[in-house]
Protein backbone atom coordinates (compact mmCIF):
# COMPACT_ATOMS: atom_id res chain seq x y z
CA MET A 1 55.59 -41.18 44.67
CA GLY A 2 52.91 -38.09 44.40
CA LEU A 3 50.02 -38.42 42.24
CA ILE A 4 50.13 -36.93 38.75
CA THR A 5 46.93 -34.79 38.11
CA LEU A 6 46.19 -34.60 34.13
CA GLY A 7 44.95 -31.33 33.16
CA GLN A 8 41.76 -30.98 31.06
CA PRO A 9 42.18 -30.79 27.27
CA ARG A 10 42.64 -27.17 26.20
CA TYR A 11 39.77 -25.99 24.18
CA ILE A 12 40.32 -24.03 21.24
CA LYS A 13 37.63 -21.94 19.91
CA PRO A 14 37.00 -22.14 16.14
CA MET A 15 38.17 -19.51 13.67
CA GLN A 16 34.86 -18.00 12.02
CA TRP A 17 34.15 -14.83 9.76
CA THR A 18 31.44 -13.78 7.30
CA ASP A 19 32.32 -11.75 4.17
CA GLU A 20 31.08 -11.15 0.74
CA GLY A 21 32.95 -12.99 -2.04
CA ILE A 22 33.16 -13.20 -5.99
CA VAL A 23 33.57 -16.92 -7.21
CA LEU A 24 36.67 -17.32 -9.13
CA GLY A 25 36.35 -20.98 -9.47
CA VAL A 26 35.65 -24.57 -7.80
CA LYS A 27 37.71 -27.64 -7.85
CA ARG A 28 36.20 -31.25 -7.43
CA HIS A 29 36.95 -32.47 -4.12
CA GLY A 30 35.74 -36.29 -3.31
CA GLU A 31 32.40 -37.46 -4.41
CA THR A 32 30.16 -34.63 -3.41
CA SER A 33 32.38 -31.58 -2.04
CA VAL A 34 34.34 -28.93 -4.06
CA ILE A 35 36.93 -26.35 -3.13
CA LEU A 36 35.80 -22.97 -3.44
CA GLU A 37 37.91 -20.11 -4.33
CA LEU A 38 36.66 -16.69 -3.63
CA MET A 39 37.91 -13.16 -3.88
CA THR A 40 36.47 -11.61 -0.98
CA LEU A 41 36.02 -8.02 0.21
CA GLU A 42 38.06 -7.93 3.49
CA ARG A 43 40.22 -11.20 3.23
CA GLY A 44 41.43 -11.24 -0.47
CA ARG A 45 41.53 -14.56 -2.36
CA HIS A 46 40.43 -17.11 0.06
CA LEU A 47 39.74 -20.97 -0.29
CA GLY A 48 37.47 -23.07 1.58
CA LEU A 49 35.57 -26.73 1.37
CA VAL A 50 31.98 -26.75 0.61
CA ARG A 51 30.33 -29.84 1.54
CA GLY A 52 27.65 -30.79 -1.05
CA GLY A 53 29.17 -28.42 -3.51
CA ALA A 54 29.17 -30.57 -6.38
CA GLY A 55 25.41 -31.31 -6.08
CA THR A 56 22.53 -29.81 -7.98
CA ARG A 57 21.48 -27.42 -5.25
CA LEU A 58 24.51 -25.54 -5.03
CA ARG A 59 26.10 -26.01 -8.45
CA GLY A 60 24.33 -22.89 -10.00
CA VAL A 61 25.35 -20.78 -6.73
CA LEU A 62 29.13 -21.67 -6.93
CA GLN A 63 29.61 -20.49 -10.79
CA PRO A 64 32.66 -18.12 -11.58
CA GLY A 65 31.50 -14.38 -11.53
CA ASN A 66 28.72 -14.86 -8.70
CA LEU A 67 28.55 -12.77 -5.96
CA LEU A 68 28.00 -14.79 -2.59
CA ARG A 69 27.77 -14.19 1.35
CA ALA A 70 30.22 -16.87 2.89
CA THR A 71 30.74 -18.08 6.22
CA TRP A 72 34.25 -19.66 6.81
CA ARG A 73 34.86 -21.64 9.75
CA ALA A 74 38.00 -23.85 10.72
CA ARG A 75 39.76 -24.96 13.88
CA LEU A 76 42.79 -22.81 13.11
CA ASP A 77 43.29 -20.08 10.99
CA GLU A 78 45.95 -21.82 8.71
CA HIS A 79 43.47 -24.74 7.95
CA LEU A 80 41.64 -25.14 4.57
CA GLY A 81 38.26 -24.65 6.55
CA HIS A 82 34.63 -24.82 5.48
CA TYR A 83 32.59 -22.52 3.69
CA ALA A 84 28.71 -22.17 4.01
CA VAL A 85 27.27 -19.71 1.44
CA GLU A 86 24.44 -18.14 -0.02
CA GLY A 87 23.84 -16.32 -3.14
CA LEU A 88 23.65 -12.45 -3.43
CA ASN A 89 23.68 -11.68 -7.12
CA LEU A 90 23.77 -15.08 -9.26
CA ARG A 91 24.75 -13.13 -12.33
CA ALA A 92 26.86 -16.09 -14.13
CA ALA A 93 23.75 -17.69 -15.62
CA GLY A 94 22.94 -14.60 -17.76
CA LEU A 95 26.53 -14.45 -18.89
CA LEU A 96 26.62 -18.02 -20.69
CA GLY A 97 25.44 -16.64 -23.91
CA ALA A 98 27.95 -14.02 -24.39
CA ALA A 99 31.40 -15.55 -25.30
CA HIS A 100 33.10 -12.39 -24.33
CA ALA A 101 31.70 -12.32 -20.99
CA VAL A 102 32.58 -16.32 -20.41
CA HIS A 103 36.12 -15.61 -21.39
CA GLY A 104 36.38 -12.37 -19.33
CA VAL A 105 35.30 -13.80 -16.12
CA THR A 106 37.96 -16.85 -16.78
CA TYR A 107 40.70 -14.11 -17.46
CA LEU A 108 39.79 -12.16 -14.44
CA ALA A 109 40.05 -15.36 -12.40
CA GLU A 110 43.58 -15.89 -13.63
CA LEU A 111 44.57 -12.40 -13.03
CA CYS A 112 43.44 -12.44 -9.41
CA ARG A 113 45.35 -15.95 -8.80
CA LEU A 114 48.49 -13.75 -9.08
CA LEU A 115 47.66 -12.15 -5.80
CA ALA A 116 48.85 -13.95 -2.70
CA GLU A 117 46.11 -15.97 -0.75
CA ARG A 118 44.33 -14.27 2.16
CA GLU A 119 45.84 -10.77 1.86
CA PRO A 120 43.23 -8.04 1.48
CA HIS A 121 42.64 -6.22 -2.02
CA GLY A 122 39.76 -3.92 -1.29
CA ARG A 123 40.39 -2.09 -4.51
CA VAL A 124 40.76 -5.20 -6.43
CA PHE A 125 37.42 -6.55 -5.27
CA ALA A 126 35.62 -3.32 -5.83
CA ALA A 127 37.06 -3.01 -9.56
CA LEU A 128 36.12 -6.87 -10.08
CA GLN A 129 32.47 -6.04 -9.25
CA ALA A 130 32.22 -3.13 -11.20
CA ILE A 131 33.50 -4.94 -14.33
CA LEU A 132 31.04 -8.13 -13.71
CA ASP A 133 28.22 -5.67 -13.19
CA GLY A 134 29.06 -3.92 -17.04
CA ILE A 135 30.67 -7.13 -18.56
CA ASP A 136 27.24 -7.72 -20.57
CA ASP A 137 28.42 -4.57 -22.81
CA PRO A 138 31.54 -6.01 -24.95
CA PRO A 139 33.44 -2.22 -25.57
CA ALA A 140 32.67 -1.33 -21.80
CA ALA A 141 34.11 -4.72 -20.62
CA ALA A 142 37.11 -4.32 -22.52
CA THR A 143 37.43 -0.74 -21.30
CA LEU A 144 37.08 -1.91 -17.78
CA ILE A 145 39.45 -4.83 -17.95
CA ALA A 146 42.33 -2.92 -19.52
CA ARG A 147 42.14 -0.37 -16.43
CA PHE A 148 41.58 -3.39 -14.14
CA GLU A 149 45.05 -4.67 -15.63
CA LEU A 150 46.85 -1.42 -14.58
CA LYS A 151 45.19 -1.61 -11.21
CA LEU A 152 46.64 -5.21 -10.53
CA LEU A 153 50.00 -4.38 -11.86
CA ALA A 154 49.92 -1.55 -8.93
CA GLU A 155 48.72 -4.10 -6.39
CA LEU A 156 51.75 -6.36 -7.57
CA GLY A 157 54.02 -3.65 -7.03
CA PHE A 158 54.66 -2.76 -10.65
CA GLY A 159 52.32 0.28 -11.12
CA LEU A 160 53.21 2.43 -14.07
CA ASP A 161 53.72 6.15 -13.52
CA LEU A 162 51.34 7.82 -15.90
CA THR A 163 51.39 11.24 -14.20
CA CYS A 164 54.11 13.18 -15.80
CA CYS A 165 56.53 12.96 -18.83
CA ALA A 166 59.77 11.17 -17.62
CA ALA A 167 61.76 13.26 -19.89
CA THR A 168 60.54 16.75 -19.32
CA GLY A 169 58.16 16.61 -16.38
CA THR A 170 55.22 18.07 -18.11
CA THR A 171 51.59 16.61 -17.44
CA ALA A 172 50.21 17.47 -20.75
CA ASP A 173 49.71 15.44 -23.90
CA LEU A 174 51.24 12.12 -22.35
CA ALA A 175 51.23 9.91 -25.58
CA TYR A 176 53.73 7.07 -24.76
CA VAL A 177 55.14 4.75 -22.29
CA SER A 178 58.63 3.72 -21.92
CA PRO A 179 59.01 -0.12 -21.98
CA ARG A 180 62.15 0.20 -19.92
CA SER A 181 60.81 2.53 -16.97
CA GLY A 182 57.26 2.09 -17.28
CA ARG A 183 56.91 5.94 -17.05
CA ALA A 184 54.88 8.17 -19.36
CA VAL A 185 56.23 10.05 -22.11
CA SER A 186 55.09 13.09 -23.80
CA ARG A 187 54.40 13.30 -27.77
CA ALA A 188 56.77 16.00 -28.24
CA ALA A 189 59.64 14.21 -26.11
CA GLY A 190 58.94 10.90 -27.65
CA HIS A 191 58.50 11.66 -31.30
CA ASP A 192 61.78 10.71 -32.46
CA TYR A 193 61.55 7.51 -30.30
CA ARG A 194 57.92 6.60 -31.00
CA ASP A 195 58.86 3.46 -32.59
CA LYS A 196 60.44 2.21 -29.58
CA LEU A 197 57.75 3.17 -27.29
CA LEU A 198 54.30 1.98 -26.37
CA ARG A 199 51.38 3.99 -27.16
CA LEU A 200 49.33 5.46 -24.10
CA PRO A 201 45.75 5.92 -24.78
CA ASP A 202 43.75 8.86 -23.03
CA PHE A 203 41.25 6.55 -21.58
CA LEU A 204 43.92 4.92 -19.27
CA GLN A 205 44.96 8.41 -17.94
CA SER A 206 41.42 9.68 -17.16
CA ASP A 207 37.63 8.67 -17.13
CA ALA A 208 37.31 9.65 -20.88
CA GLY A 209 34.55 8.68 -23.05
CA ALA A 210 34.42 5.18 -24.74
CA PRO A 211 37.55 4.75 -26.62
CA GLY A 212 37.76 3.51 -30.30
CA ALA A 213 39.32 0.53 -31.69
CA ALA A 214 42.94 1.57 -32.04
CA ASP A 215 42.90 2.95 -28.54
CA LEU A 216 41.59 -0.47 -27.06
CA SER A 217 44.13 -2.13 -29.14
CA ASP A 218 46.96 -0.01 -27.90
CA ALA A 219 45.68 -0.39 -24.44
CA PHE A 220 45.76 -3.97 -24.20
CA ALA A 221 48.94 -4.01 -25.95
CA LEU A 222 50.62 -1.87 -23.31
CA THR A 223 49.26 -3.67 -20.30
CA GLY A 224 50.00 -7.08 -21.78
CA PHE A 225 53.53 -6.20 -22.10
CA PHE A 226 53.98 -5.15 -18.57
CA LEU A 227 52.06 -7.95 -17.17
CA GLU A 228 53.83 -10.46 -19.29
CA ARG A 229 57.23 -8.99 -17.98
CA HIS A 230 56.49 -8.58 -14.59
CA ALA A 231 53.59 -10.93 -13.52
CA PHE A 232 53.61 -13.97 -15.75
CA ALA A 233 57.20 -14.48 -17.31
CA PRO A 234 58.84 -14.57 -13.75
CA ARG A 235 56.41 -17.42 -12.72
CA GLY A 236 57.20 -19.57 -16.01
CA MET A 237 53.89 -18.63 -17.35
CA ALA A 238 52.56 -16.75 -20.70
CA LEU A 239 49.55 -14.62 -20.86
CA PRO A 240 46.40 -16.51 -20.39
CA ALA A 241 44.84 -17.96 -23.45
CA ALA A 242 41.59 -16.59 -22.02
CA ARG A 243 42.88 -12.98 -22.61
CA ALA A 244 43.30 -13.46 -26.32
CA ARG A 245 39.72 -15.28 -26.62
CA PHE A 246 38.17 -12.28 -24.82
CA LEU A 247 39.67 -9.78 -27.09
CA ALA A 248 38.66 -11.87 -30.15
CA ALA A 249 35.18 -12.33 -28.68
CA VAL A 250 34.97 -8.63 -28.28
CA MET A 251 36.11 -7.91 -31.85
CA ARG A 252 33.58 -10.45 -33.00
CA ALA A 253 30.40 -9.05 -30.97
CA ARG A 254 31.39 -5.36 -32.31
CA PRO A 255 34.15 -5.71 -34.91
CA GLN A 256 34.90 -2.06 -34.77
CA ALA A 257 35.40 -2.11 -31.23
CA VAL A 258 38.84 -3.66 -30.90
CA ALA A 259 41.65 -5.72 -32.57
CA PRO A 260 43.33 -8.22 -30.58
CA ALA A 261 46.77 -7.25 -29.00
C-alpha cells in the first residue's frame, strides 16, 4: 500500500476593510461586547461585533448619530465579523437635550433598517449626514427628513414621479399627488378631485426656502402614506412611533413650524 501524504491546511486570508459609518444602534452581546449597526459610506448597512463596546471607554463613541471610522475584519465575508472603531464626529452628546433630535435620530435608524444589509446606498449615507449636521434646528430637521423619506422610497424602488402632471404632462403648478399612481397632478387638472388627492408642497419639488406649517404637515402626510403602503405594511409593521414623536417634538419646539401628520 502506498503512503498517503496529507496536504498542509489551506490558509484563508481574513476579510478586512475600513470605511466611514454612522451609528444606527447597538445591541448588547454577552457581558462586555455589543453588536454595532452602522450605515457605512461604501457598504451600506453593516453589522459587526465590538469587543468591550459595553464599557465606559466606548459607550459614548457608539451612540446613535455619531460618525465613526470603522475597520471590519472576519475570516469569511458572510461572517458577522468584528469592528475596531474610532470617533470622527461624536455629535450624539450634543443632541441629548433636544427631544426632536433624539426622536429624529431614532426614526432615521428605523428608516435605514428598511434597506437590505450590505448593499451600498451612497445617496442615503450623504443625505443622512446632511440631516445629522442640521438636526439641531427643528424646522430644518423636519424639512430634511421629509425629503429623506422621498429618497428612501426611491431607493426601495417606490419613488414618486413629481416631474410632470400625470393627466396633462405639464411641469407647471404641480399641486397634488395621486395616491393610486404616486404621480404628480397639476392644480388645474386636480381641482375637481382635490379631496381625493394628496397635497404636494413646493419644497418637495425644489430647494425652495423654509416651508411653513401647512406645507410641512402636507409633506409628512404625503410621504407617510406611501411609506406605510410600500415599506411598512408589507412587512407587517406600522409607521414607527418615533416618527410621530419627532413631529410632536418639532411642534413643541416651534409651534408654528408643523402640525403632526
